[in-house]
Amino acid sequence: MDYTRRTPVVVFLLTAVLLICSATAEATVIQFAATNLPDTTAGQDLWRYDYTVSGRSFLQDQFFDIYFDPLLYRTLAVLSTPGPQWEAIILQQPNPANIPPFDRGMFDAAALVNSPPLAGTFSVSFVFLGAGSPNSQPFDIFAMSGANAVLLESGVTTPAGSAIPEPASFLYIATGMGIAAIRFCRSGRVSAAA
C-alpha cells in the first residue's frame, strides 16, 4: 500500500480537527483604552484604564484579575464597574518591596450572578511611572471551587480597536490546506517510496 499519497490527506484531516476545536473554544478578550488624566499631585502622572470584556459568559463566582507591574504603576483606584452584578476591587497595590508575585498590583472583578452583562466598562485610575503611555497587561480568569481558585484562562489585554482574529478564519485556512493537499496528491508529484 502506498502511504506517501495518503500522508497529506491525513495531515489535513488532523489539522482540520484541531482548528475546528480551537475555533469553538471560548477566548476572552479584554481591551483597554488608556487616558492621560490631569495630574492632581505634582510629579505624579495620573492615568485611567477603561476596560471592556468580551468572548466569555461568566458564571457566578468566576472572576478575572488584571495585573499591574510594580515598577510601572502606583496608587490604583477603581473608578467604575459595568453594573451592580459585578464586584470590582483592588486586591493589592503594587509594591516592589514584596516578594513576587505579591509585588504586583491586582484589579479583581467578580461575577455576582450567572451571565452578568458585559456591556459597560471597568475603569481603574493609577499613577504611571513609565515613559510614554501605559501598555498591555497580563490577566487571568478563575473559578472558585470550594475555597480554591481554579485557573481557567490567561491572556494579555489588547488596545481598544486592535484587530482580533476571528475563529472562523482558521476554518478557511484549513479548507485551503485541504484543497492544496488533495491537489498535490492527485497531481502525481509524490514519488513512491522505494
Protein backbone atom coordinates (compact mmCIF):
# COMPACT_ATOMS: atom_id res chain seq x y z
CA MET A 1 0.00 0.00 0.00
CA ASP A 2 1.36 3.46 -0.91
CA TYR A 3 1.15 5.53 2.27
CA THR A 4 3.01 8.51 0.78
CA ARG A 5 -0.10 9.53 -1.14
CA ARG A 6 -2.28 9.44 1.98
CA THR A 7 0.04 11.39 4.28
CA PRO A 8 -1.06 14.88 3.12
CA VAL A 9 -4.74 13.89 3.47
CA VAL A 10 -4.18 12.54 6.98
CA VAL A 11 -2.25 15.69 7.93
CA PHE A 12 -5.08 17.82 6.54
CA LEU A 13 -7.73 15.91 8.49
CA LEU A 14 -5.78 16.17 11.76
CA THR A 15 -5.15 19.87 11.18
CA ALA A 16 -8.82 20.47 10.38
CA VAL A 17 -9.96 18.72 13.56
CA LEU A 18 -7.52 20.75 15.67
CA LEU A 19 -8.54 24.02 14.04
CA ILE A 20 -12.25 23.30 14.40
CA CYS A 21 -11.74 22.53 18.08
CA SER A 22 -9.78 25.74 18.59
CA ALA A 23 -12.38 27.74 16.64
CA THR A 24 -15.11 26.65 19.02
CA ALA A 25 -13.01 27.30 22.14
CA GLU A 26 -14.01 30.28 24.21
CA ALA A 27 -11.38 33.01 24.15
CA THR A 28 -11.74 36.01 26.41
CA VAL A 29 -10.69 39.39 25.09
CA ILE A 30 -10.00 42.24 27.49
CA GLN A 31 -9.42 45.50 25.66
CA PHE A 32 -8.23 48.73 27.21
CA ALA A 33 -8.16 52.42 26.41
CA ALA A 34 -5.55 54.44 28.31
CA THR A 35 -6.41 58.08 29.05
CA ASN A 36 -3.93 60.60 30.42
CA LEU A 37 -5.74 62.49 33.22
CA PRO A 38 -4.94 65.92 34.64
CA ASP A 39 -2.32 65.42 37.34
CA THR A 40 -3.63 66.25 40.81
CA THR A 41 -0.29 65.86 42.61
CA ALA A 42 2.95 67.40 41.36
CA GLY A 43 5.34 64.78 39.98
CA GLN A 44 2.67 62.06 39.59
CA ASP A 45 1.50 61.10 36.10
CA LEU A 46 -2.20 60.20 36.58
CA TRP A 47 -3.87 57.86 34.04
CA ARG A 48 -7.06 55.83 33.64
CA TYR A 49 -7.63 52.45 32.01
CA ASP A 50 -11.13 51.75 30.66
CA TYR A 51 -11.57 48.01 30.11
CA THR A 52 -14.14 46.11 28.06
CA VAL A 53 -14.50 42.35 28.24
CA SER A 54 -15.88 40.05 25.54
CA GLY A 55 -15.78 36.44 24.41
CA ARG A 56 -16.89 34.85 27.66
CA SER A 57 -20.07 34.37 29.60
CA PHE A 58 -19.09 34.45 33.26
CA LEU A 59 -20.78 32.31 35.87
CA GLN A 60 -21.34 33.34 39.45
CA ASP A 61 -18.07 33.09 41.41
CA GLN A 62 -15.92 33.40 38.30
CA PHE A 63 -13.60 36.38 38.24
CA PHE A 64 -10.69 37.92 36.42
CA ASP A 65 -7.56 39.59 37.70
CA ILE A 66 -5.58 42.19 35.75
CA TYR A 67 -2.02 42.65 36.96
CA PHE A 68 -0.09 45.90 37.39
CA ASP A 69 3.72 45.80 37.27
CA PRO A 70 5.13 47.34 40.48
CA LEU A 71 7.84 49.18 38.51
CA LEU A 72 5.24 50.94 36.32
CA TYR A 73 2.14 51.52 38.46
CA ARG A 74 1.20 53.04 41.82
CA THR A 75 -1.95 54.18 43.65
CA LEU A 76 -4.60 52.03 41.94
CA ALA A 77 -8.26 53.01 42.41
CA VAL A 78 -11.46 51.50 40.98
CA LEU A 79 -13.49 54.22 39.29
CA SER A 80 -16.39 52.17 37.87
CA THR A 81 -17.88 48.75 37.22
CA PRO A 82 -20.34 47.89 34.43
CA GLY A 83 -23.17 47.40 36.88
CA PRO A 84 -24.46 46.03 40.17
CA GLN A 85 -23.97 42.41 39.07
CA TRP A 86 -20.18 42.83 39.26
CA GLU A 87 -17.89 43.50 42.19
CA ALA A 88 -14.64 45.23 41.32
CA ILE A 89 -11.88 45.85 43.84
CA ILE A 90 -8.16 46.46 44.06
CA LEU A 91 -6.88 43.33 45.78
CA GLN A 92 -3.37 44.60 46.14
CA GLN A 93 -1.44 47.81 45.49
CA PRO A 94 1.82 47.45 43.52
CA ASN A 95 4.76 47.19 45.91
CA PRO A 96 8.26 46.36 44.60
CA ALA A 97 9.40 45.62 48.17
CA ASN A 98 7.20 42.48 48.28
CA ILE A 99 8.31 39.08 47.01
CA PRO A 100 6.91 38.19 43.52
CA PRO A 101 4.10 37.56 42.69
CA PHE A 102 2.89 39.59 45.68
CA ASP A 103 4.70 42.69 44.39
CA ARG A 104 2.29 43.39 41.55
CA GLY A 105 -0.97 45.25 41.84
CA MET A 106 -4.20 43.35 41.16
CA PHE A 107 -7.52 44.61 39.89
CA ASP A 108 -10.20 41.97 40.51
CA ALA A 109 -13.70 41.84 39.00
CA ALA A 110 -16.06 39.08 40.13
CA ALA A 111 -19.42 37.98 38.71
CA LEU A 112 -22.07 38.12 41.43
CA VAL A 113 -24.67 36.27 39.30
CA ASN A 114 -24.63 33.94 36.29
CA SER A 115 -24.10 35.70 32.95
CA PRO A 116 -23.83 39.29 34.20
CA PRO A 117 -23.90 41.83 31.35
CA LEU A 118 -20.55 42.99 29.99
CA ALA A 119 -21.84 45.97 28.02
CA GLY A 120 -20.21 48.56 30.26
CA THR A 121 -16.63 49.37 31.11
CA PHE A 122 -14.47 48.81 34.16
CA SER A 123 -12.28 51.81 34.97
CA VAL A 124 -9.14 52.00 37.07
CA SER A 125 -7.07 55.11 37.76
CA PHE A 126 -3.38 54.89 38.60
CA VAL A 127 -0.12 56.77 38.74
CA PHE A 128 2.07 55.70 35.82
CA LEU A 129 5.81 55.52 36.49
CA GLY A 130 6.92 54.59 32.97
CA ALA A 131 7.81 56.64 29.92
CA GLY A 132 5.25 57.30 27.19
CA SER A 133 1.86 55.62 27.52
CA PRO A 134 0.79 52.58 29.55
CA ASN A 135 0.52 49.37 27.56
CA SER A 136 -0.90 45.83 27.71
CA GLN A 137 -1.10 43.86 30.94
CA PRO A 138 -1.40 40.16 31.78
CA PHE A 139 -4.70 38.81 33.10
CA ASP A 140 -6.03 35.54 34.50
CA ILE A 141 -9.58 34.20 34.74
CA PHE A 142 -10.52 31.98 37.66
CA ALA A 143 -13.45 30.00 39.02
CA MET A 144 -13.94 29.26 42.69
CA SER A 145 -14.03 25.58 43.62
CA GLY A 146 -14.74 25.43 47.33
CA ALA A 147 -12.03 27.56 48.93
CA ASN A 148 -9.69 27.27 45.93
CA ALA A 149 -9.41 29.42 42.83
CA VAL A 150 -9.00 27.33 39.66
CA LEU A 151 -7.25 28.98 36.71
CA LEU A 152 -9.47 28.87 33.59
CA GLU A 153 -7.58 31.09 31.18
CA SER A 154 -4.65 33.50 30.90
CA GLY A 155 -4.09 36.28 28.42
CA VAL A 156 -2.89 39.82 27.79
CA THR A 157 -5.05 42.91 27.44
CA THR A 158 -5.15 44.49 23.98
CA PRO A 159 -5.58 48.13 22.97
CA ALA A 160 -9.17 49.05 22.09
CA GLY A 161 -9.74 48.96 18.36
CA SER A 162 -6.94 46.50 17.63
CA ALA A 163 -7.72 43.66 15.23
CA ILE A 164 -8.62 40.38 16.88
CA PRO A 165 -8.58 37.30 14.61
CA GLU A 166 -11.95 35.65 14.22
CA PRO A 167 -12.00 31.90 14.90
CA ALA A 168 -13.75 31.27 11.56
CA SER A 169 -10.63 32.41 9.69
CA PHE A 170 -8.90 29.24 10.89
CA LEU A 171 -11.53 27.18 9.09
CA TYR A 172 -10.78 28.99 5.83
CA ILE A 173 -7.08 28.25 6.27
CA ALA A 174 -7.81 24.58 6.98
CA THR A 175 -10.04 24.31 3.92
CA GLY A 176 -7.34 25.85 1.73
CA MET A 177 -4.74 23.48 3.14
CA GLY A 178 -7.01 20.53 2.46
CA ILE A 179 -7.64 21.52 -1.14
CA ALA A 180 -3.92 22.02 -1.69
CA ALA A 181 -3.13 18.62 -0.14
CA ILE A 182 -5.69 16.82 -2.30
CA ARG A 183 -4.45 18.54 -5.49
CA PHE A 184 -0.88 17.76 -4.54
CA CYS A 185 -1.71 14.06 -4.07
CA ARG A 186 -3.65 13.82 -7.32
CA SER A 187 -1.01 15.60 -9.37
CA GLY A 188 1.36 12.65 -9.04
CA ARG A 189 4.21 14.75 -7.64
CA VAL A 190 4.62 12.42 -4.71
CA SER A 191 7.20 9.76 -5.57
CA ALA A 192 6.62 6.20 -4.40
CA ALA A 193 8.74 5.02 -1.52
CA ALA A 194 11.38 2.52 -2.56
